[in-house]
PDB file of N, CA and C in Angstrom:
ATOM      1  N   GLY A   1    -135.659 179.294-111.601  1.00  0.00           N
ATOM      2  CA  GLY A   1    -135.669 180.267-110.588  1.00  0.00           C
ATOM      3  C   GLY A   1    -134.512 181.298-110.798  1.00  0.00           C
ATOM      4  N   SER A   2    -134.724 182.508-110.274  1.00  0.00           N
ATOM      5  CA  SER A   2    -133.758 183.550-110.458  1.00  0.00           C
ATOM      6  C   SER A   2    -133.361 184.225-109.194  1.00  0.00           C
ATOM      7  N   CYS A   3    -132.026 184.471-109.046  1.00  0.00           N
ATOM      8  CA  CYS A   3    -131.458 185.151-107.828  1.00  0.00           C
ATOM      9  C   CYS A   3    -131.316 186.720-108.015  1.00  0.00           C
ATOM     10  N   TRP A   4    -131.762 187.192-109.104  1.00  0.00           N
ATOM     11  CA  TRP A   4    -131.462 188.608-109.373  1.00  0.00           C
ATOM     12  C   TRP A   4    -131.995 189.492-108.198  1.00  0.00           C
ATOM     13  N   HIS A   5    -132.999 189.019-107.474  1.00  0.00           N
ATOM     14  CA  HIS A   5    -133.636 189.831-106.473  1.00  0.00           C
ATOM     15  C   HIS A   5    -132.934 189.773-105.101  1.00  0.00           C
ATOM     16  N   GLN A   6    -132.162 188.694-104.879  1.00  0.00           N
ATOM     17  CA  GLN A   6    -131.505 188.581-103.610  1.00  0.00           C
ATOM     18  C   GLN A   6    -130.388 187.486-103.595  1.00  0.00           C
ATOM     19  N   CYS A   7    -129.365 187.729-102.880  1.00  0.00           N
ATOM     20  CA  CYS A   7    -128.256 186.785-102.654  1.00  0.00           C
ATOM     21  C   CYS A   7    -127.878 186.911-101.194  1.00  0.00           C
ATOM     22  N   CYS A   8    -127.744 185.770-100.555  1.00  0.00           N
ATOM     23  CA  CYS A   8    -127.535 185.695 -99.116  1.00  0.00           C
ATOM     24  C   CYS A   8    -126.289 184.917 -98.831  1.00  0.00           C
ATOM     25  N   PRO A   9    -125.561 185.381 -97.739  1.00  0.00           N
ATOM     26  CA  PRO A   9    -124.404 184.656 -97.238  1.00  0.00           C
ATOM     27  C   PRO A   9    -124.751 183.468 -96.384  1.00  0.00           C
ATOM     28  N   GLY A  10    -123.916 182.538 -96.272  1.00  0.00           N
ATOM     29  CA  GLY A  10    -124.083 181.361 -95.352  1.00  0.00           C
ATOM     30  C   GLY A  10    -125.317 180.497 -95.738  1.00  0.00           C
ATOM     31  N   ARG A  11    -125.880 179.901 -94.724  1.00  0.00           N
ATOM     32  CA  ARG A  11    -127.106 178.977 -94.889  1.00  0.00           C
ATOM     33  C   ARG A  11    -128.320 179.819 -94.448  1.00  0.00           C
ATOM     34  N   ASN A  12    -129.258 180.013 -95.433  1.00  0.00           N
ATOM     35  CA  ASN A  12    -130.395 180.840 -95.131  1.00  0.00           C
ATOM     36  C   ASN A  12    -131.603 180.317 -95.912  1.00  0.00           C
ATOM     37  N   ASN A  13    -132.462 179.503 -95.222  1.00  0.00           N
ATOM     38  CA  ASN A  13    -133.517 178.822 -95.917  1.00  0.00           C
ATOM     39  C   ASN A  13    -134.614 179.783 -96.373  1.00  0.00           C
ATOM     40  N   ALA A  14    -134.598 181.094 -95.977  1.00  0.00           N
ATOM     41  CA  ALA A  14    -135.498 182.049 -96.458  1.00  0.00           C
ATOM     42  C   ALA A  14    -135.023 182.649 -97.694  1.00  0.00           C
ATOM     43  N   CYS A  15    -133.864 182.367 -98.202  1.00  0.00           N
ATOM     44  CA  CYS A  15    -133.236 182.933 -99.403  1.00  0.00           C
ATOM     45  C   CYS A  15    -133.478 182.048-100.610  1.00  0.00           C
ATOM     46  N   TRP A  16    -134.645 182.025-101.115  1.00  0.00           N
ATOM     47  CA  TRP A  16    -135.006 181.055-102.255  1.00  0.00           C
ATOM     48  C   TRP A  16    -135.840 181.736-103.313  1.00  0.00           C
ATOM     49  N   ALA A  17    -135.974 181.049-104.376  1.00  0.00           N
ATOM     50  CA  ALA A  17    -136.897 181.509-105.495  1.00  0.00           C
ATOM     51  C   ALA A  17    -137.679 180.362-105.960  1.00  0.00           C
ATOM     52  N   PRO A  18    -138.828 180.524-106.654  1.00  0.00           N
ATOM     53  CA  PRO A  18    -139.537 179.433-107.167  1.00  0.00           C
ATOM     54  C   PRO A  18    -138.710 178.801-108.313  1.00  0.00           C
ATOM     55  N   GLY A  19    -138.587 177.455-108.222  1.00  0.00           N
ATOM     56  CA  GLY A  19    -137.776 176.703-109.213  1.00  0.00           C
ATOM     57  C   GLY A  19    -138.681 175.838-110.098  1.00  0.00           C
ATOM     58  N   ALA A  20    -138.054 175.016-110.883  1.00  0.00           N
ATOM     59  CA  ALA A  20    -138.808 174.065-111.730  1.00  0.00           C
ATOM     60  C   ALA A  20    -139.618 173.122-110.944  1.00  0.00           C
ATOM     61  N   ARG A  21    -140.738 172.679-111.532  1.00  0.00           N
ATOM     62  CA  ARG A  21    -141.571 171.628-110.940  1.00  0.00           C
ATOM     63  C   ARG A  21    -141.942 171.894-109.489  1.00  0.00           C
ATOM     64  N   ARG A  22    -142.365 173.081-109.172  1.00  0.00           N
ATOM     65  CA  ARG A  22    -142.839 173.513-107.911  1.00  0.00           C
ATOM     66  C   ARG A  22    -141.798 173.427-106.782  1.00  0.00           C
ATOM     67  N   ALA A  23    -140.535 173.141-107.086  1.00  0.00           N
ATOM     68  CA  ALA A  23    -139.535 173.073-106.064  1.00  0.00           C
ATOM     69  C   ALA A  23    -138.867 174.489-105.870  1.00  0.00           C
ATOM     70  N   HIS A  24    -138.196 174.616-104.780  1.00  0.00           N
ATOM     71  CA  HIS A  24    -137.421 175.805-104.530  1.00  0.00           C
ATOM     72  C   HIS A  24    -136.030 175.661-105.008  1.00  0.00           C
ATOM     73  N   CYS A  25    -135.486 176.747-105.486  1.00  0.00           N
ATOM     74  CA  CYS A  25    -134.073 176.838-105.678  1.00  0.00           C
ATOM     75  C   CYS A  25    -133.527 177.907-104.759  1.00  0.00           C
ATOM     76  N   TYR A  26    -132.268 177.869-104.409  1.00  0.00           N
ATOM     77  CA  TYR A  26    -131.756 178.792-103.371  1.00  0.00           C
ATOM     78  C   TYR A  26    -130.647 179.680-103.910  1.00  0.00           C
ATOM     79  N   CYS A  27    -130.575 180.857-103.207  1.00  0.00           N
ATOM     80  CA  CYS A  27    -129.639 181.844-103.517  1.00  0.00           C
ATOM     81  C   CYS A  27    -128.765 182.158-102.412  1.00  0.00           C
ATOM     82  N   ASP A  28    -128.575 181.298-101.401  1.00  0.00           N
ATOM     83  CA  ASP A  28    -127.572 181.430-100.393  1.00  0.00           C
ATOM     84  C   ASP A  28    -126.289 180.735-100.723  1.00  0.00           C
ATOM     85  N   SER A  29    -125.221 181.163-100.141  1.00  0.00           N
ATOM     86  CA  SER A  29    -123.884 180.549-100.536  1.00  0.00           C
ATOM     87  C   SER A  29    -123.843 179.120-100.150  1.00  0.00           C
ATOM     88  N   TYR A  30    -124.679 178.711 -99.325  1.00  0.00           N
ATOM     89  CA  TYR A  30    -124.686 177.185 -98.896  1.00  0.00           C
ATOM     90  C   TYR A  30    -125.172 176.350 -99.993  1.00  0.00           C
ATOM     91  N   CYS A  31    -125.974 176.887-100.992  1.00  0.00           N
ATOM     92  CA  CYS A  31    -126.521 176.061-102.083  1.00  0.00           C
ATOM     93  C   CYS A  31    -125.423 175.490-102.921  1.00  0.00           C
ATOM     94  N   GLU A  32    -124.170 176.018-102.867  1.00  0.00           N
ATOM     95  CA  GLU A  32    -123.148 175.419-103.635  1.00  0.00           C
ATOM     96  C   GLU A  32    -122.755 174.071-103.052  1.00  0.00           C
ATOM     97  N   ARG A  33    -122.921 173.909-101.653  1.00  0.00           N
ATOM     98  CA  ARG A  33    -122.570 172.599-101.043  1.00  0.00           C
ATOM     99  C   ARG A  33    -123.705 171.574-101.286  1.00  0.00           C
ATOM    100  N   THR A  34    -124.960 172.104-101.247  1.00  0.00           N
ATOM    101  CA  THR A  34    -126.039 171.165-101.308  1.00  0.00           C
ATOM    102  C   THR A  34    -126.520 171.020-102.765  1.00  0.00           C
ATOM    103  N   GLY A  35    -125.984 171.765-103.693  1.00  0.00           N
ATOM    104  CA  GLY A  35    -126.394 171.546-105.178  1.00  0.00           C
ATOM    105  C   GLY A  35    -127.687 171.984-105.535  1.00  0.00           C
ATOM    106  N   ASP A  36    -128.422 172.832-104.765  1.00  0.00           N
ATOM    107  CA  ASP A  36    -129.758 173.289-105.097  1.00  0.00           C
ATOM    108  C   ASP A  36    -129.811 174.742-105.374  1.00  0.00           C
ATOM    109  N   CYS A  37    -128.836 175.340-106.025  1.00  0.00           N
ATOM    110  CA  CYS A  37    -128.736 176.768-106.361  1.00  0.00           C
ATOM    111  C   CYS A  37    -129.708 177.023-107.532  1.00  0.00           C
ATOM    112  N   CYS A  38    -130.152 178.209-107.596  1.00  0.00           N
ATOM    113  CA  CYS A  38    -131.039 178.656-108.849  1.00  0.00           C
ATOM    114  C   CYS A  38    -130.018 178.735-110.090  1.00  0.00           C
ATOM    115  N   GLU A  39    -130.546 178.636-111.244  1.00  0.00           N
ATOM    116  CA  GLU A  39    -129.796 178.571-112.405  1.00  0.00           C
ATOM    117  C   GLU A  39    -128.859 179.750-112.535  1.00  0.00           C
ATOM    118  N   ASP A  40    -129.252 180.940-112.173  1.00  0.00           N
ATOM    119  CA  ASP A  40    -128.489 182.091-112.330  1.00  0.00           C
ATOM    120  C   ASP A  40    -127.650 182.474-111.080  1.00  0.00           C
ATOM    121  N   TYR A  41    -127.497 181.542-110.051  1.00  0.00           N
ATOM    122  CA  TYR A  41    -126.886 181.896-108.898  1.00  0.00           C
ATOM    123  C   TYR A  41    -125.392 182.370-109.129  1.00  0.00           C
ATOM    124  N   HIS A  42    -124.671 181.658-109.952  1.00  0.00           N
ATOM    125  CA  HIS A  42    -123.281 182.102-110.152  1.00  0.00           C
ATOM    126  C   HIS A  42    -123.214 183.519-110.788  1.00  0.00           C
ATOM    127  N   ALA A  43    -124.026 183.730-111.791  1.00  0.00           N
ATOM    128  CA  ALA A  43    -124.029 185.019-112.481  1.00  0.00           C
ATOM    129  C   ALA A  43    -124.535 186.131-111.643  1.00  0.00           C
ATOM    130  N   ALA A  44    -125.591 185.813-110.884  1.00  0.00           N
ATOM    131  CA  ALA A  44    -126.151 186.869-110.028  1.00  0.00           C
ATOM    132  C   ALA A  44    -125.488 187.199-108.753  1.00  0.00           C
ATOM    133  N   CYS A  45    -124.985 186.074-108.125  1.00  0.00           N
ATOM    134  CA  CYS A  45    -124.358 186.226-106.787  1.00  0.00           C
ATOM    135  C   CYS A  45    -122.902 186.140-106.692  1.00  0.00           C
ATOM    136  N   ARG A  46    -122.287 185.057-107.159  1.00  0.00           N
ATOM    137  CA  ARG A  46    -120.923 184.859-106.985  1.00  0.00           C
ATOM    138  C   ARG A  46    -120.062 185.841-107.670  1.00  0.00           C
ATOM    139  N   ARG A  47    -120.357 186.305-108.827  1.00  0.00           N
ATOM    140  CA  ARG A  47    -119.546 187.272-109.591  1.00  0.00           C
ATOM    141  C   ARG A  47    -119.628 188.565-108.833  1.00  0.00           C
ATOM    142  N   ALA A  48    -120.758 188.899-108.319  1.00  0.00           N
ATOM    143  CA  ALA A  48    -120.896 190.261-107.683  1.00  0.00           C
ATOM    144  C   ALA A  48    -120.573 190.204-106.247  1.00  0.00           C
ATOM    145  N   ALA A  49    -120.397 189.026-105.639  1.00  0.00           N
ATOM    146  CA  ALA A  49    -120.220 188.894-104.216  1.00  0.00           C
ATOM    147  C   ALA A  49    -118.956 189.561-103.753  1.00  0.00           C
ATOM    148  N   VAL A  50    -119.046 190.084-102.501  1.00  0.00           N
ATOM    149  CA  VAL A  50    -117.818 190.717-101.875  1.00  0.00           C
ATOM    150  C   VAL A  50    -117.801 190.137-100.435  1.00  0.00           C
ATOM    151  N   GLY A  51    -116.769 189.427-100.135  1.00  0.00           N
ATOM    152  CA  GLY A  51    -116.664 188.689 -98.831  1.00  0.00           C
ATOM    153  C   GLY A  51    -116.196 189.741 -97.792  1.00  0.00           C
ATOM    154  N   CYS A  52    -116.463 189.314 -96.567  1.00  0.00           N
ATOM    155  CA  CYS A  52    -116.040 190.179 -95.370  1.00  0.00           C
ATOM    156  C   CYS A  52    -114.573 190.292 -95.313  1.00  0.00           C
ATOM    157  N   THR A  53    -114.080 191.425 -94.889  1.00  0.00           N
ATOM    158  CA  THR A  53    -112.666 191.594 -94.689  1.00  0.00           C
ATOM    159  C   THR A  53    -112.493 192.179 -93.305  1.00  0.00           C
ATOM    160  N   VAL A  54    -111.635 191.690 -92.446  1.00  0.00           N
ATOM    161  CA  VAL A  54    -111.440 192.205 -91.103  1.00  0.00           C
ATOM    162  C   VAL A  54    -110.060 192.729 -90.992  1.00  0.00           C
ATOM    163  N   GLY A  55    -109.818 193.600 -90.006  1.00  0.00           N
ATOM    164  CA  GLY A  55    -108.514 194.140 -89.731  1.00  0.00           C
ATOM    165  C   GLY A  55    -107.814 193.169 -88.771  1.00  0.00           C
ATOM    166  N   PRO A  56    -106.628 193.636 -88.330  1.00  0.00           N
ATOM    167  CA  PRO A  56    -105.865 192.763 -87.394  1.00  0.00           C
ATOM    168  C   PRO A  56    -106.435 192.755 -86.051  1.00  0.00           C
ATOM    169  N   TRP A  57    -106.077 191.751 -85.267  1.00  0.00           N
ATOM    170  CA  TRP A  57    -106.548 191.765 -83.804  1.00  0.00           C
ATOM    171  C   TRP A  57    -105.866 192.882 -83.066  1.00  0.00           C
ATOM    172  N   GLY A  58    -106.589 193.432 -82.179  1.00  0.00           N
ATOM    173  CA  GLY A  58    -106.126 194.452 -81.251  1.00  0.00           C
ATOM    174  C   GLY A  58    -105.297 193.774 -80.171  1.00  0.00           C
ATOM    175  N   PRO A  59    -104.741 194.522 -79.234  1.00  0.00           N
ATOM    176  CA  PRO A  59    -104.042 193.948 -78.063  1.00  0.00           C
ATOM    177  C   PRO A  59    -104.988 193.283 -77.145  1.00  0.00           C
ATOM    178  N   TRP A  60    -104.457 192.332 -76.331  1.00  0.00           N
ATOM    179  CA  TRP A  60    -105.273 191.688 -75.320  1.00  0.00           C
ATOM    180  C   TRP A  60    -105.471 192.750 -74.168  1.00  0.00           C
ATOM    181  N   SER A  61    -106.668 192.715 -73.587  1.00  0.00           N
ATOM    182  CA  SER A  61    -106.898 193.531 -72.433  1.00  0.00           C
ATOM    183  C   SER A  61    -106.156 193.022 -71.188  1.00  0.00           C
ATOM    184  N   GLY A  62    -106.114 193.755 -70.104  1.00  0.00           N
ATOM    185  CA  GLY A  62    -105.604 193.279 -68.863  1.00  0.00           C
ATOM    186  C   GLY A  62    -106.472 192.171 -68.312  1.00  0.00           C
ATOM    187  N   CYS A  63    -106.008 191.413 -67.336  1.00  0.00           N
ATOM    188  CA  CYS A  63    -106.847 190.362 -66.735  1.00  0.00           C
ATOM    189  C   CYS A  63    -107.996 191.099 -65.949  1.00  0.00           C
ATOM    190  N   SER A  64    -109.123 190.455 -66.097  1.00  0.00           N
ATOM    191  CA  SER A  64    -110.334 191.060 -65.437  1.00  0.00           C
ATOM    192  C   SER A  64    -110.287 190.904 -63.909  1.00  0.00           C
ATOM    193  N   SER A  65    -109.472 189.983 -63.463  1.00  0.00           N
ATOM    194  CA  SER A  65    -109.312 189.786 -61.959  1.00  0.00           C
ATOM    195  C   SER A  65    -107.873 190.164 -61.635  1.00  0.00           C
ATOM    196  N   PRO A  66    -107.691 191.046 -60.610  1.00  0.00           N
ATOM    197  CA  PRO A  66    -106.269 191.393 -60.272  1.00  0.00           C
ATOM    198  C   PRO A  66    -105.683 190.215 -59.506  1.00  0.00           C
ATOM    199  N   CYS A  67    -106.487 189.387 -58.793  1.00  0.00           N
ATOM    200  CA  CYS A  67    -105.957 188.229 -58.035  1.00  0.00           C
ATOM    201  C   CYS A  67    -106.797 187.082 -58.428  1.00  0.00           C
ATOM    202  N   GLY A  68    -106.241 185.999 -58.837  1.00  0.00           N
ATOM    203  CA  GLY A  68    -106.918 184.720 -59.168  1.00  0.00           C
ATOM    204  C   GLY A  68    -107.371 184.751 -60.599  1.00  0.00           C
ATOM    205  N   VAL A  69    -108.341 183.760 -60.917  1.00  0.00           N
ATOM    206  CA  VAL A  69    -108.834 183.460 -62.264  1.00  0.00           C
ATOM    207  C   VAL A  69    -109.647 184.602 -62.799  1.00  0.00           C
ATOM    208  N   GLY A  70    -109.359 184.982 -63.999  1.00  0.00           N
ATOM    209  CA  GLY A  70    -110.155 186.057 -64.709  1.00  0.00           C
ATOM    210  C   GLY A  70    -110.096 185.743 -66.202  1.00  0.00           C
ATOM    211  N   SER A  71    -110.369 186.727 -67.017  1.00  0.00           N
ATOM    212  CA  SER A  71    -110.247 186.641 -68.420  1.00  0.00           C
ATOM    213  C   SER A  71    -109.806 187.900 -69.115  1.00  0.00           C
ATOM    214  N   LYS A  72    -109.175 187.688 -70.319  1.00  0.00           N
ATOM    215  CA  LYS A  72    -108.693 188.722 -71.126  1.00  0.00           C
ATOM    216  C   LYS A  72    -109.516 188.744 -72.403  1.00  0.00           C
ATOM    217  N   ALA A  73    -109.568 189.864 -73.107  1.00  0.00           N
ATOM    218  CA  ALA A  73    -110.351 189.950 -74.345  1.00  0.00           C
ATOM    219  C   ALA A  73    -109.589 190.794 -75.299  1.00  0.00           C
ATOM    220  N   ARG A  74    -109.884 190.555 -76.650  1.00  0.00           N
ATOM    221  CA  ARG A  74    -109.362 191.332 -77.693  1.00  0.00           C
ATOM    222  C   ARG A  74    -110.407 191.375 -78.832  1.00  0.00           C
ATOM    223  N   SER A  75    -110.232 192.370 -79.662  1.00  0.00           N
ATOM    224  CA  SER A  75    -111.255 192.457 -80.749  1.00  0.00           C
ATOM    225  C   SER A  75    -110.562 192.972 -81.988  1.00  0.00           C
ATOM    226  N   ARG A  76    -111.327 192.916 -83.198  1.00  0.00           N
ATOM    227  CA  ARG A  76    -110.968 193.506 -84.384  1.00  0.00           C
ATOM    228  C   ARG A  76    -112.178 194.074 -85.084  1.00  0.00           C
ATOM    229  N   GLN A  77    -111.951 194.895 -86.086  1.00  0.00           N
ATOM    230  CA  GLN A  77    -112.978 195.622 -86.749  1.00  0.00           C
ATOM    231  C   GLN A  77    -113.197 195.086 -88.244  1.00  0.00           C
ATOM    232  N   VAL A  78    -114.402 195.233 -88.704  1.00  0.00           N
ATOM    233  CA  VAL A  78    -114.762 194.890 -90.091  1.00  0.00           C
ATOM    234  C   VAL A  78    -114.195 196.031 -90.886  1.00  0.00           C
ATOM    235  N   THR A  79    -113.436 195.721 -91.922  1.00  0.00           N
ATOM    236  CA  THR A  79    -112.930 196.825 -92.792  1.00  0.00           C
ATOM    237  C   THR A  79    -113.830 196.794 -94.094  1.00  0.00           C
ATOM    238  N   VAL A  80    -114.259 195.633 -94.528  1.00  0.00           N
ATOM    239  CA  VAL A  80    -115.195 195.599 -95.720  1.00  0.00           C
ATOM    240  C   VAL A  80    -116.359 194.717 -95.405  1.00  0.00           C
ATOM    241  N   PRO A  81    -117.564 195.182 -95.178  1.00  0.00           N
ATOM    242  CA  PRO A  81    -118.713 194.245 -94.873  1.00  0.00           C
ATOM    243  C   PRO A  81    -119.066 193.469 -96.093  1.00  0.00           C
ATOM    244  N   PRO A  82    -119.597 192.246 -95.837  1.00  0.00           N
ATOM    245  CA  PRO A  82    -119.974 191.359 -96.926  1.00  0.00           C
ATOM    246  C   PRO A  82    -121.210 191.965 -97.667  1.00  0.00           C
ATOM    247  N   ARG A  83    -121.065 191.721 -99.059  1.00  0.00           N
ATOM    248  CA  ARG A  83    -122.257 192.208 -99.783  1.00  0.00           C
ATOM    249  C   ARG A  83    -122.616 191.152-100.917  1.00  0.00           C
ATOM    250  N   ARG A  84    -123.907 191.263-101.278  1.00  0.00           N
ATOM    251  CA  ARG A  84    -124.349 190.297-102.370  1.00  0.00           C
ATOM    252  C   ARG A  84    -123.992 188.830-102.217  1.00  0.00           C
ATOM    253  N   GLY A  85    -124.160 188.352-100.985  1.00  0.00           N
ATOM    254  CA  GLY A  85    -123.953 186.954-100.738  1.00  0.00           C
ATOM    255  C   GLY A  85    -122.557 186.535-100.512  1.00  0.00           C
ATOM    256  N   GLY A  86    -121.620 187.506-100.280  1.00  0.00           N
ATOM    257  CA  GLY A  86    -120.283 187.256-100.025  1.00  0.00           C
ATOM    258  C   GLY A  86    -120.021 186.459 -98.678  1.00  0.00           C
ATOM    259  N   GLU A  87    -118.974 185.922 -98.449  1.00  0.00           N
ATOM    260  CA  GLU A  87    -118.645 185.276 -97.169  1.00  0.00           C
ATOM    261  C   GLU A  87    -118.977 186.122 -95.999  1.00  0.00           C
ATOM    262  N   PRO A  88    -119.617 185.549 -94.909  1.00  0.00           N
ATOM    263  CA  PRO A  88    -119.883 186.420 -93.817  1.00  0.00           C
ATOM    264  C   PRO A  88    -118.620 186.666 -92.953  1.00  0.00           C
ATOM    265  N   CYS A  89    -118.674 187.596 -92.020  1.00  0.00           N
ATOM    266  CA  CYS A  89    -117.538 187.942 -91.224  1.00  0.00           C
ATOM    267  C   CYS A  89    -117.221 186.862 -90.229  1.00  0.00           C
ATOM    268  N   PRO A  90    -115.905 186.664 -89.937  1.00  0.00           N
ATOM    269  CA  PRO A  90    -115.537 185.740 -88.859  1.00  0.00           C
ATOM    270  C   PRO A  90    -115.669 186.478 -87.513  1.00  0.00           C
ATOM    271  N   ASP A  91    -115.369 185.667 -86.459  1.00  0.00           N
ATOM    272  CA  ASP A  91    -115.568 186.267 -85.095  1.00  0.00           C
ATOM    273  C   ASP A  91    -114.776 187.577 -84.968  1.00  0.00           C
ATOM    274  N   LEU A  92    -115.378 188.553 -84.337  1.00  0.00           N
ATOM    275  CA  LEU A  92    -114.683 189.841 -84.173  1.00  0.00           C
ATOM    276  C   LEU A  92    -114.186 190.041 -82.735  1.00  0.00           C
ATOM    277  N   LYS A  93    -114.462 189.046 -81.779  1.00  0.00           N
ATOM    278  CA  LYS A  93    -114.024 189.101 -80.415  1.00  0.00           C
ATOM    279  C   LYS A  93    -113.481 187.783 -79.971  1.00  0.00           C
ATOM    280  N   GLN A  94    -112.461 187.782 -79.182  1.00  0.00           N
ATOM    281  CA  GLN A  94    -111.893 186.608 -78.621  1.00  0.00           C
ATOM    282  C   GLN A  94    -111.708 186.815 -77.129  1.00  0.00           C
ATOM    283  N   ARG A  95    -111.819 185.726 -76.323  1.00  0.00           N
ATOM    284  CA  ARG A  95    -111.678 185.820 -74.964  1.00  0.00           C
ATOM    285  C   ARG A  95    -110.880 184.596 -74.453  1.00  0.00           C
ATOM    286  N   ARG A  96    -109.932 184.758 -73.520  1.00  0.00           N
ATOM    287  CA  ARG A  96    -109.215 183.632 -72.942  1.00  0.00           C
ATOM    288  C   ARG A  96    -108.993 183.803 -71.488  1.00  0.00           C
ATOM    289  N   GLY A  97    -108.734 182.786 -70.720  1.00  0.00           N
ATOM    290  CA  GLY A  97    -108.519 182.839 -69.309  1.00  0.00           C
ATOM    291  C   GLY A  97    -107.181 183.408 -68.969  1.00  0.00           C
ATOM    292  N   CYS A  98    -107.085 183.888 -67.720  1.00  0.00           N
ATOM    293  CA  CYS A  98    -105.822 184.470 -67.175  1.00  0.00           C
ATOM    294  C   CYS A  98    -105.820 184.306 -65.749  1.00  0.00           C
ATOM    295  N   LEU A  99    -104.728 184.507 -65.107  1.00  0.00           N
ATOM    296  CA  LEU A  99    -104.519 184.446 -63.690  1.00  0.00           C
ATOM    297  C   LEU A  99    -103.938 185.809 -63.178  1.00  0.00           C
ATOM    298  N   GLY A 100    -104.716 186.588 -62.511  1.00  0.00           N
ATOM    299  CA  GLY A 100    -104.216 187.798 -62.042  1.00  0.00           C
ATOM    300  C   GLY A 100    -103.195 187.681 -60.978  1.00  0.00           C
ATOM    301  N   GLU A 101    -102.083 188.327 -61.185  1.00  0.00           N
ATOM    302  CA  GLU A 101    -100.943 188.212 -60.179  1.00  0.00           C
ATOM    303  C   GLU A 101    -100.389 189.635 -59.691  1.00  0.00           C
ATOM    304  N   HIS A 102    -101.393 190.468 -59.316  1.00  0.00           N
ATOM    305  CA  HIS A 102    -100.969 191.729 -58.823  1.00  0.00           C
ATOM    306  C   HIS A 102    -100.119 191.586 -57.595  1.00  0.00           C
ATOM    307  N   PRO A 103     -99.151 192.489 -57.312  1.00  0.00           N
ATOM    308  CA  PRO A 103     -98.250 192.381 -56.137  1.00  0.00           C
ATOM    309  C   PRO A 103     -99.009 192.271 -54.803  1.00  0.00           C
ATOM    310  N   THR A 104    -100.204 192.864 -54.765  1.00  0.00           N
ATOM    311  CA  THR A 104    -101.018 192.898 -53.485  1.00  0.00           C
ATOM    312  C   THR A 104    -101.675 191.624 -53.286  1.00  0.00           C
ATOM    313  N   CYS A 105    -101.795 190.701 -54.158  1.00  0.00           N
ATOM    314  CA  CYS A 105    -102.558 189.539 -54.062  1.00  0.00           C
ATOM    315  C   CYS A 105    -102.168 188.681 -52.815  1.00  0.00           C
ATOM    316  N   GLY A 106    -100.890 188.485 -52.653  1.00  0.00           N
ATOM    317  CA  GLY A 106    -100.365 187.656 -51.567  1.00  0.00           C
ATOM    318  C   GLY A 106    -100.757 188.241 -50.173  1.00  0.00           C
ATOM    319  N   THR A 107    -100.847 189.501 -50.051  1.00  0.00           N
ATOM    320  CA  THR A 107    -101.188 190.136 -48.732  1.00  0.00           C
ATOM    321  C   THR A 107    -102.653 190.297 -48.472  1.00  0.00           C
ATOM    322  N   ALA A 108    -103.530 189.971 -49.470  1.00  0.00           N
ATOM    323  CA  ALA A 108    -104.941 190.184 -49.234  1.00  0.00           C
ATOM    324  C   ALA A 108    -105.437 188.979 -48.366  1.00  0.00           C
ATOM    325  N   LYS A 109    -106.340 189.384 -47.506  1.00  0.00           N
ATOM    326  CA  LYS A 109    -106.911 188.259 -46.589  1.00  0.00           C
ATOM    327  C   LYS A 109    -108.179 187.666 -47.144  1.00  0.00           C
TER     328      LYS A 109
END
C-alpha cells in the first residue's frame, strides 16, 4: 500500500490504502503505535509532516459572575497548522472556576 495520496494526523480509520493480501494498511500517525502502517508511511508522511505549533496562553478573563461561583477562560492561537499527518493541535481554550468578590456582593439582597 502507498500513502503518497494522503497522510492523516491522529487516529483516523478512513485514512488507509489497499495493502498486501486484501488487508488495509494505514497512513494515520496512530499506525506507528499499532504497527499497521503502509510500507511508504515514513517516507511519504513522517518526513514531510509538520506538527501543530501554538502561541502562548493569553490572560485569564475576569470572573463570569461578579458575586459567587463563576468561571474564567483563556485561549491561545495556532501559529503553524498541522500538515501532511503532523501532530494535531492541542487544546486552544481553557476554563477554570472562580469566585466573584465584587465589593457590592455583601450588600446585595
